[in-house]
Protein backbone atom coordinates (compact mmCIF):
# COMPACT_ATOMS: atom_id res chain seq x y z
CA UNK A 1 -103.77 -64.63 -116.19
CA UNK A 2 -101.13 -62.17 -117.34
CA UNK A 3 -97.55 -62.02 -116.01
CA UNK A 4 -95.60 -58.78 -116.41
CA UNK A 5 -91.90 -59.15 -115.70
CA UNK A 6 -89.99 -55.95 -114.92
CA UNK A 7 -86.22 -56.26 -115.17
CA UNK A 8 -83.20 -54.07 -115.75
CA UNK A 9 -79.95 -52.86 -114.29
CA UNK A 10 -79.99 -52.26 -110.56
CA UNK A 11 -80.89 -48.68 -109.66
CA UNK A 12 -82.94 -47.88 -112.76
CA UNK A 13 -86.18 -47.64 -110.78
CA UNK A 14 -87.79 -50.92 -111.85
CA UNK A 15 -89.25 -51.57 -108.39
CA UNK A 16 -91.02 -48.21 -108.39
CA UNK A 17 -92.36 -48.81 -111.91
CA UNK A 18 -93.53 -52.32 -111.03
CA UNK A 19 -95.33 -50.95 -107.96
CA UNK A 20 -96.86 -48.07 -109.93
CA UNK A 21 -98.03 -50.50 -112.62
CA UNK A 22 -99.66 -52.63 -109.95
CA UNK A 23 -101.52 -49.59 -108.61
CA UNK A 24 -102.81 -48.66 -112.06
CA UNK A 25 -103.95 -52.24 -112.75
CA UNK A 26 -105.80 -52.42 -109.42
CA UNK A 27 -107.52 -49.13 -110.20
CA UNK A 28 -108.74 -50.67 -113.47
CA UNK A 29 -110.34 -53.52 -111.51
CA UNK A 30 -107.76 -56.27 -112.06
CA UNK A 31 -106.98 -58.55 -109.14
CA UNK A 32 -103.29 -57.70 -108.97
CA UNK A 33 -100.25 -59.05 -107.15
CA UNK A 34 -96.92 -57.22 -107.19
CA UNK A 35 -94.30 -59.77 -106.20
CA UNK A 36 -90.63 -59.11 -105.51
CA UNK A 37 -88.24 -61.69 -106.96
CA UNK A 38 -85.19 -59.62 -106.03
CA UNK A 39 -83.22 -61.05 -103.05
CA UNK A 40 -82.52 -57.44 -102.04
CA UNK A 41 -86.22 -56.74 -101.51
CA UNK A 42 -87.30 -53.11 -101.69
CA UNK A 43 -90.96 -53.46 -102.62
CA UNK A 44 -92.17 -52.77 -99.09
CA UNK A 45 -89.85 -49.75 -98.95
CA UNK A 46 -91.34 -48.48 -102.21
CA UNK A 47 -94.77 -48.43 -100.55
CA UNK A 48 -93.13 -46.85 -97.48
CA UNK A 49 -94.24 -49.67 -95.17
CA UNK A 50 -92.71 -50.09 -91.72
CA UNK A 51 -90.34 -53.05 -91.64
CA UNK A 52 -92.19 -54.81 -88.81
CA UNK A 53 -95.42 -54.71 -90.85
CA UNK A 54 -94.12 -56.21 -94.08
CA UNK A 55 -90.59 -57.56 -94.01
CA UNK A 56 -90.41 -61.16 -92.89
CA UNK A 57 -93.93 -62.07 -94.04
CA UNK A 58 -94.18 -64.99 -96.40
CA UNK A 59 -96.90 -67.00 -98.11
CA UNK A 60 -99.41 -64.33 -97.11
CA UNK A 61 -99.54 -61.46 -99.61
CA UNK A 62 -100.33 -58.17 -97.92
CA UNK A 63 -103.40 -56.28 -99.18
CA UNK A 64 -102.60 -52.61 -99.81
CA UNK A 65 -105.98 -51.58 -101.20
CA UNK A 66 -108.86 -53.26 -103.03
CA UNK A 67 -107.51 -55.51 -105.82
CA UNK A 68 -103.86 -54.89 -104.87
CA UNK A 69 -101.63 -57.28 -102.91
CA UNK A 70 -97.86 -57.15 -102.55
CA UNK A 71 -95.56 -60.01 -101.65
CA UNK A 72 -91.89 -60.42 -100.70
CA UNK A 73 -90.46 -63.89 -100.26
CA UNK A 74 -88.68 -64.70 -97.01
CA UNK A 75 -86.28 -67.41 -98.10
CA UNK A 76 -85.58 -68.62 -94.56
CA UNK A 77 -89.23 -69.47 -94.06
CA UNK A 78 -89.49 -70.90 -97.55
CA UNK A 79 -86.64 -73.26 -96.69
CA UNK A 80 -88.58 -74.47 -93.65
CA UNK A 81 -91.77 -74.94 -95.67
CA UNK A 82 -90.56 -76.40 -98.96
CA UNK A 83 -86.86 -77.26 -98.77
CA UNK A 84 -86.78 -79.07 -95.43
CA UNK A 85 -85.09 -82.35 -96.39
CA UNK A 86 -82.73 -80.69 -98.86
CA UNK A 87 -81.59 -77.96 -96.46
CA UNK A 88 -81.28 -80.44 -93.57
CA UNK A 89 -78.94 -82.67 -95.58
CA UNK A 90 -76.78 -79.78 -96.79
CA UNK A 91 -76.58 -78.42 -93.24
CA UNK A 92 -75.48 -81.82 -91.91
CA UNK A 93 -72.73 -82.02 -94.55
CA UNK A 94 -71.51 -78.52 -93.69
CA UNK A 95 -71.41 -79.35 -89.99
CA UNK A 96 -69.25 -82.40 -90.78
CA UNK A 97 -66.69 -80.03 -92.31
CA UNK A 98 -66.55 -78.00 -89.11
CA UNK A 99 -69.06 -75.28 -90.03
CA UNK A 100 -71.77 -75.15 -87.42
CA UNK A 101 -74.76 -73.33 -86.06
CA UNK A 102 -76.27 -70.38 -87.87
CA UNK A 103 -73.47 -70.24 -90.45
CA UNK A 104 -74.27 -73.77 -91.68
CA UNK A 105 -77.97 -72.93 -91.96
CA UNK A 106 -77.19 -69.78 -93.94
CA UNK A 107 -74.87 -71.61 -96.34
CA UNK A 108 -77.48 -74.31 -96.87
CA UNK A 109 -79.48 -71.79 -98.91
CA UNK A 110 -77.89 -72.50 -102.28
CA UNK A 111 -78.33 -70.36 -105.41
CA UNK A 112 -81.66 -70.93 -107.10
CA UNK A 113 -83.78 -71.65 -104.02
CA UNK A 114 -85.34 -68.19 -104.02
CA UNK A 115 -86.04 -68.21 -107.75
CA UNK A 116 -87.66 -71.65 -107.64
CA UNK A 117 -89.75 -70.65 -104.61
CA UNK A 118 -91.00 -67.55 -106.44
CA UNK A 119 -91.88 -69.58 -109.53
CA UNK A 120 -93.80 -72.07 -107.38
CA UNK A 121 -96.01 -69.26 -106.06
CA UNK A 122 -96.59 -67.83 -109.54
CA UNK A 123 -97.62 -71.31 -110.73
CA UNK A 124 -99.84 -71.85 -107.69
CA UNK A 125 -101.68 -68.53 -108.13
CA UNK A 126 -102.10 -69.26 -111.84
CA UNK A 127 -103.66 -72.66 -111.18
CA UNK A 128 -105.90 -71.26 -108.42
CA UNK A 129 -106.95 -68.29 -110.59
CA UNK A 130 -106.31 -66.07 -107.60
CA UNK A 131 -105.10 -63.05 -109.57
CA UNK A 132 -105.73 -61.55 -113.00
CA UNK A 133 -102.25 -60.03 -113.27
CA UNK A 134 -98.98 -60.78 -111.48
CA UNK A 135 -96.33 -58.06 -111.72
CA UNK A 136 -92.86 -59.47 -111.01
CA UNK A 137 -90.26 -57.04 -109.71
CA UNK A 138 -87.19 -58.97 -110.77
CA UNK A 139 -83.58 -58.84 -109.67
CA UNK A 140 -80.94 -57.10 -111.82
CA UNK A 141 -80.37 -58.57 -115.26
CA UNK A 142 -78.04 -61.51 -114.54
CA UNK A 143 -80.22 -62.84 -111.72
CA UNK A 144 -83.35 -62.33 -113.85
CA UNK A 145 -81.89 -64.55 -116.56
CA UNK A 146 -81.22 -67.23 -113.95
CA UNK A 147 -84.80 -66.86 -112.74
CA UNK A 148 -86.34 -67.50 -116.17
CA UNK A 149 -83.90 -70.29 -117.04
CA UNK A 150 -84.50 -72.20 -113.80
CA UNK A 151 -87.53 -74.25 -115.01
CA UNK A 152 -85.64 -75.53 -118.08
CA UNK A 153 -82.53 -76.26 -116.03
CA UNK A 154 -84.47 -78.19 -113.41
CA UNK A 155 -86.44 -80.03 -116.10
CA UNK A 156 -83.20 -81.18 -117.75
CA UNK A 157 -81.82 -82.36 -114.40
CA UNK A 158 -85.02 -84.24 -113.53
CA UNK A 159 -85.10 -86.00 -116.88
CA UNK A 160 -81.44 -86.90 -117.33
CA UNK A 161 -79.71 -86.96 -113.94
CA UNK A 162 -82.31 -87.33 -111.19
CA UNK A 163 -83.52 -90.93 -111.92
CA UNK A 164 -79.99 -92.28 -112.34
CA UNK A 165 -78.69 -90.47 -109.27
CA UNK A 166 -81.60 -91.58 -107.10
CA UNK A 167 -81.37 -95.24 -108.15
CA UNK A 168 -77.59 -95.34 -107.83
CA UNK A 169 -77.58 -93.86 -104.34
CA UNK A 170 -80.37 -96.20 -103.26
CA UNK A 171 -78.14 -99.14 -104.18
CA UNK A 172 -74.86 -97.95 -102.66
CA UNK A 173 -76.19 -95.98 -99.67
CA UNK A 174 -76.00 -98.80 -97.04
CA UNK A 175 -72.35 -99.56 -97.80
CA UNK A 176 -71.29 -95.99 -98.43
CA UNK A 177 -72.77 -94.74 -95.17
CA UNK A 178 -70.64 -97.25 -93.25
CA UNK A 179 -67.42 -96.20 -94.99
CA UNK A 180 -67.87 -92.50 -95.69
CA UNK A 181 -67.51 -89.78 -93.02
CA UNK A 182 -70.48 -88.04 -94.65
CA UNK A 183 -73.80 -89.83 -95.04
CA UNK A 184 -75.34 -89.83 -98.49
CA UNK A 185 -78.69 -88.03 -98.86
CA UNK A 186 -81.71 -90.11 -97.79
CA UNK A 187 -84.46 -90.96 -100.25
CA UNK A 188 -86.69 -88.32 -98.62
CA UNK A 189 -84.20 -85.76 -100.00
CA UNK A 190 -85.05 -86.87 -103.53
CA UNK A 191 -88.75 -87.02 -102.68
CA UNK A 192 -88.59 -83.38 -101.58
CA UNK A 193 -86.89 -82.44 -104.85
CA UNK A 194 -89.46 -84.31 -106.92
CA UNK A 195 -92.30 -82.59 -105.06
CA UNK A 196 -90.76 -79.18 -105.83
CA UNK A 197 -90.41 -80.07 -109.50
CA UNK A 198 -94.07 -81.09 -109.72
CA UNK A 199 -95.10 -77.71 -108.32
CA UNK A 200 -93.32 -76.03 -111.24
CA UNK A 201 -94.93 -78.10 -113.99
CA UNK A 202 -96.15 -75.92 -116.85
CA UNK A 203 -94.54 -72.66 -115.67
CA UNK A 204 -91.90 -72.74 -118.44
CA UNK A 205 -94.60 -72.80 -121.12
CA UNK A 206 -96.39 -69.88 -119.46
CA UNK A 207 -93.23 -67.76 -119.30
CA UNK A 208 -92.51 -68.37 -122.99
CA UNK A 209 -96.08 -67.66 -124.13
CA UNK A 210 -96.20 -64.00 -125.28
CA UNK A 211 -99.98 -63.96 -124.79
CA UNK A 212 -99.44 -64.77 -121.10
CA UNK A 213 -96.07 -63.21 -120.23
CA UNK A 214 -94.44 -59.95 -121.30
CA UNK A 215 -90.99 -58.72 -120.34
CA UNK A 216 -90.57 -54.98 -119.77
CA UNK A 217 -87.03 -53.66 -119.53
CA UNK A 218 -86.44 -50.59 -117.40
CA UNK A 219 -83.43 -48.49 -118.35
CA UNK A 220 -82.04 -44.97 -117.99
CA UNK A 221 -80.83 -42.65 -120.75
CA UNK A 222 -77.19 -43.41 -119.97
CA UNK A 223 -74.69 -45.21 -122.17
CA UNK A 224 -73.61 -47.82 -119.60
CA UNK A 225 -77.18 -48.62 -118.59
CA UNK A 226 -78.23 -48.89 -122.25
CA UNK A 227 -75.51 -51.48 -122.93
CA UNK A 228 -76.83 -53.72 -120.16
CA UNK A 229 -80.38 -53.25 -121.44
CA UNK A 230 -79.25 -54.37 -124.89
CA UNK A 231 -77.63 -57.47 -123.40
CA UNK A 232 -80.78 -58.20 -121.39
CA UNK A 233 -82.88 -57.95 -124.56
CA UNK A 234 -80.60 -60.45 -126.30
CA UNK A 235 -80.72 -62.99 -123.50
CA UNK A 236 -84.45 -62.77 -122.87
CA UNK A 237 -84.89 -63.37 -126.61
CA UNK A 238 -82.42 -66.27 -126.42
CA UNK A 239 -84.54 -67.84 -123.67
CA UNK A 240 -87.69 -67.58 -125.79
CA UNK A 241 -89.32 -64.66 -123.97
CA UNK A 242 -90.91 -61.64 -125.62
CA UNK A 243 -89.92 -58.12 -124.61
CA UNK A 244 -92.84 -55.85 -125.44
CA UNK A 245 -91.77 -52.53 -123.94
CA UNK A 246 -88.64 -50.52 -123.14
CA UNK A 247 -89.18 -48.01 -120.33
CA UNK A 248 -86.66 -45.18 -120.09
CA UNK A 249 -86.95 -43.90 -116.54
CA UNK A 250 -85.77 -40.59 -115.01
CA UNK A 251 -85.59 -38.57 -118.21
CA UNK A 252 -84.71 -34.95 -117.45
CA UNK A 253 -87.64 -32.65 -118.36
CA UNK A 254 -87.27 -29.54 -120.50
CA UNK A 255 -87.46 -27.45 -117.34
CA UNK A 256 -84.02 -28.80 -116.38
CA UNK A 257 -82.22 -26.53 -118.85
CA UNK A 258 -79.94 -24.48 -116.62
CA UNK A 259 -76.16 -24.58 -116.99
CA UNK A 260 -75.79 -27.45 -114.53
CA UNK A 261 -78.23 -29.80 -116.28
CA UNK A 262 -77.93 -28.70 -119.93
CA UNK A 263 -74.99 -30.98 -120.75
CA UNK A 264 -76.57 -33.91 -118.94
CA UNK A 265 -79.87 -33.41 -120.73
CA UNK A 266 -78.14 -33.16 -124.13
CA UNK A 267 -76.38 -36.46 -123.42
CA UNK A 268 -79.71 -38.06 -122.47
CA UNK A 269 -81.25 -36.91 -125.75
CA UNK A 270 -78.41 -38.52 -127.72
CA UNK A 271 -78.87 -41.80 -125.86
CA UNK A 272 -82.65 -41.67 -126.37
CA UNK A 273 -82.12 -41.49 -130.14
CA UNK A 274 -79.85 -44.54 -129.91
CA UNK A 275 -82.44 -46.40 -127.81
CA UNK A 276 -85.19 -45.72 -130.37
CA UNK A 277 -82.96 -46.86 -133.23
CA UNK A 278 -81.73 -50.02 -131.53
CA UNK A 279 -85.05 -51.34 -130.22
CA UNK A 280 -87.37 -50.42 -133.09
CA UNK A 281 -90.11 -51.46 -133.74
CA UNK A 282 -90.65 -51.94 -129.96
CA UNK A 283 -92.52 -49.27 -128.07
CA UNK A 284 -90.12 -47.05 -126.07
CA UNK A 285 -91.79 -45.29 -123.16
CA UNK A 286 -90.24 -42.26 -121.44
CA UNK A 287 -90.87 -41.48 -117.78
CA UNK A 288 -89.62 -38.15 -116.37
CA UNK A 289 -87.35 -37.63 -113.40
CA UNK A 290 -89.33 -36.44 -110.37
CA UNK A 291 -88.20 -33.73 -107.99
CA UNK A 292 -88.83 -36.07 -105.05
CA UNK A 293 -87.98 -39.67 -104.26
CA UNK A 294 -90.81 -41.94 -105.44
CA UNK A 295 -91.80 -43.51 -102.12
CA UNK A 296 -95.31 -44.07 -100.78
CA UNK A 297 -98.72 -44.54 -102.35
CA UNK A 298 -99.30 -40.92 -103.46
CA UNK A 299 -95.99 -40.63 -105.31
CA UNK A 300 -96.41 -44.06 -106.87
CA UNK A 301 -99.76 -42.91 -108.24
CA UNK A 302 -98.04 -39.84 -109.72
CA UNK A 303 -95.49 -42.16 -111.32
CA UNK A 304 -98.28 -44.31 -112.76
CA UNK A 305 -99.90 -41.20 -114.26
CA UNK A 306 -96.58 -40.21 -115.84
CA UNK A 307 -95.94 -43.69 -117.21
CA UNK A 308 -99.42 -44.51 -118.56
CA UNK A 309 -102.15 -42.57 -120.34
CA UNK A 310 -105.44 -42.27 -118.47
CA UNK A 311 -107.21 -44.78 -120.73
CA UNK A 312 -104.23 -47.14 -121.10
CA UNK A 313 -104.40 -50.73 -119.88
CA UNK A 314 -100.90 -51.81 -118.72
CA UNK A 315 -101.88 -55.49 -118.78
CA UNK A 316 -102.22 -55.60 -122.57
CA UNK A 317 -99.40 -57.20 -124.54
CA UNK A 318 -97.80 -54.55 -126.73
CA UNK A 319 -96.04 -57.17 -128.82
CA UNK A 320 -96.71 -60.89 -129.17
CA UNK A 321 -94.17 -61.97 -131.74
CA UNK A 322 -90.55 -62.50 -130.76
CA UNK A 323 -88.21 -59.92 -132.22
CA UNK A 324 -85.77 -62.59 -133.33
CA UNK A 325 -84.65 -66.12 -132.56
CA UNK A 326 -81.30 -67.87 -132.76
CA UNK A 327 -80.74 -71.22 -134.44
CA UNK A 328 -77.80 -73.59 -134.78
CA UNK A 329 -77.77 -75.07 -138.29
CA UNK A 330 -74.51 -77.05 -138.12
CA UNK A 331 -71.06 -76.90 -136.54
CA UNK A 332 -69.86 -73.29 -136.56
CA UNK A 333 -72.93 -72.37 -138.63
CA UNK A 334 -75.72 -70.37 -137.00
CA UNK A 335 -78.69 -68.27 -138.07
CA UNK A 336 -80.78 -65.39 -136.79
CA UNK A 337 -84.47 -65.46 -137.74
CA UNK A 338 -85.82 -61.92 -137.75
CA UNK A 339 -89.50 -60.99 -138.05
CA UNK A 340 -89.76 -58.30 -140.77
CA UNK A 341 -93.30 -58.58 -142.18
CA UNK A 342 -93.13 -55.26 -144.07
CA UNK A 343 -89.75 -55.73 -145.72
CA UNK A 344 -89.67 -56.11 -149.51
CA UNK A 345 -87.26 -58.31 -151.41
CA UNK A 346 -84.28 -56.40 -152.63
CA UNK A 347 -80.68 -55.79 -151.80
CA UNK A 348 -79.93 -56.77 -148.21
CA UNK A 349 -77.03 -55.17 -146.41
CA UNK A 350 -75.31 -56.98 -143.57
CA UNK A 351 -72.42 -55.91 -141.39
CA UNK A 352 -71.19 -56.43 -137.86
CA UNK A 353 -70.22 -53.81 -135.36
CA UNK A 354 -68.70 -55.20 -132.16
CA UNK A 355 -71.28 -57.66 -130.80
CA UNK A 356 -74.14 -56.40 -132.99
CA UNK A 357 -75.37 -57.58 -136.37
CA UNK A 358 -76.82 -54.71 -138.41
CA UNK A 359 -79.29 -55.58 -141.14
CA UNK A 360 -80.42 -53.11 -143.81
CA UNK A 361 -83.24 -53.63 -146.31
CA UNK A 362 -83.99 -50.43 -148.18
CA UNK A 363 -84.76 -47.76 -145.57
CA UNK A 364 -85.18 -50.35 -142.79
CA UNK A 365 -82.33 -50.94 -140.38
CA UNK A 366 -82.31 -53.36 -137.47
CA UNK A 367 -79.67 -53.79 -134.77
CA UNK A 368 -79.45 -57.35 -133.47
CA UNK A 369 -77.42 -58.08 -130.36
CA UNK A 370 -75.63 -61.41 -130.53
CA UNK A 371 -75.06 -63.89 -127.67
CA UNK A 372 -71.48 -64.66 -126.70
CA UNK A 373 -71.41 -67.89 -128.74
CA UNK A 374 -72.06 -65.91 -131.94
CA UNK A 375 -70.05 -62.72 -131.51
CA UNK A 376 -67.00 -64.16 -133.33
CA UNK A 377 -69.05 -65.23 -136.37
CA UNK A 378 -69.40 -63.28 -139.60
CA UNK A 379 -72.51 -62.87 -141.79
CA UNK A 380 -72.63 -65.23 -144.77
CA UNK A 381 -75.96 -64.61 -146.51
CA UNK A 382 -79.57 -63.58 -145.87
CA UNK A 383 -82.93 -64.29 -147.46
CA UNK A 384 -86.58 -63.34 -146.95
CA UNK A 385 -89.09 -66.15 -146.35
CA UNK A 386 -92.77 -65.53 -145.55
CA UNK A 387 -92.20 -62.29 -143.67
CA UNK A 388 -89.04 -63.49 -141.91
CA UNK A 389 -85.45 -62.67 -142.69
CA UNK A 390 -83.03 -65.56 -142.14
CA UNK A 391 -79.45 -64.36 -141.65
CA UNK A 392 -76.78 -67.07 -141.70
CA UNK A 393 -73.49 -66.63 -139.87
CA UNK A 394 -70.41 -68.81 -139.61
CA UNK A 395 -66.82 -68.66 -138.49
CA UNK A 396 -64.23 -67.03 -140.75
CA UNK A 397 -62.32 -70.34 -140.97
CA UNK A 398 -65.45 -72.12 -142.14
CA UNK A 399 -65.99 -69.48 -144.83
CA UNK A 400 -62.42 -69.97 -146.07
CA UNK A 401 -62.93 -73.74 -146.30
CA UNK A 402 -66.17 -73.19 -148.29
CA UNK A 403 -64.53 -70.75 -150.70
């Protein structure tokens, strides 16, 4: 099964592109699910469905046409189905503090519940072989990063904290419940958590397998949107996921050349050049701006035709190797491992510009966005090894001590 994850800054049109991709995949005969992982669901709106037909459904993907289902999570119902003991305990604690009724039930939905619920369904459909391709319409960038990091975070908690916490509370619960105004969580609370964790087993390996999962970043040809796309690329790479396509949506066509649009179009062309330079050798796909809002099946099909060639299979991975990885070698000493199979040994140029590391080998130039922990470091040296370039960075103080 293939998983295609569409992410990007809010408002770039990623929901429309995810829906259009799902349509094209279904037309090619793939059993396809387009699933919204964005708490502000708009997938049903993209297909122009009446709210009473789609919104509020859960656990029952809605069939739009042969081979195509769409699915929006309803977190309230997911809480009742999968988070019962956990939500009940949190609600009881909130009511002890004076918060009651509906407000307590709303606050009992803590951050991460929706992401974990979505991952459980992806894992379930994978194990059941229900679909050939799942297209995930993700939340804006920050929430998407939380979504992909959730399995690792939960795994760490279950290995290091969960056993100790469960055993400790089992021992002190009888006494503590007599003395404390708030009862400690019952053991069924921990049983519910363990059951949820088991439903996620293996999903982290699937997300980090470039043969199974591809990230596609949707952006616009605007400077501010590009900056967020660059940050998203860095953090997906940092979490071990492979971005195989950059989709620049709503590009002004040549027909938009009158006095009102000429300046805007010229600015877009400048940003497009920057996008190509920054993300090379990734494929950058341009999708034109339409004269009408892309809503409903017919317009989504037009969008699919604009985004993909007639004989193109959107499920295929366009890139399977990670663009680069980050490593910590020692205190204040880090490295970036960059895949450059065609680079020849020679003089390597390194310099930093703001939060980017720029690497030059002959005519090749690569821009590498750095995570926050590495933005204050400076390049020390670089070397080619078996088609990879290893760039070492360290703090300026560390360099002075080494000198």
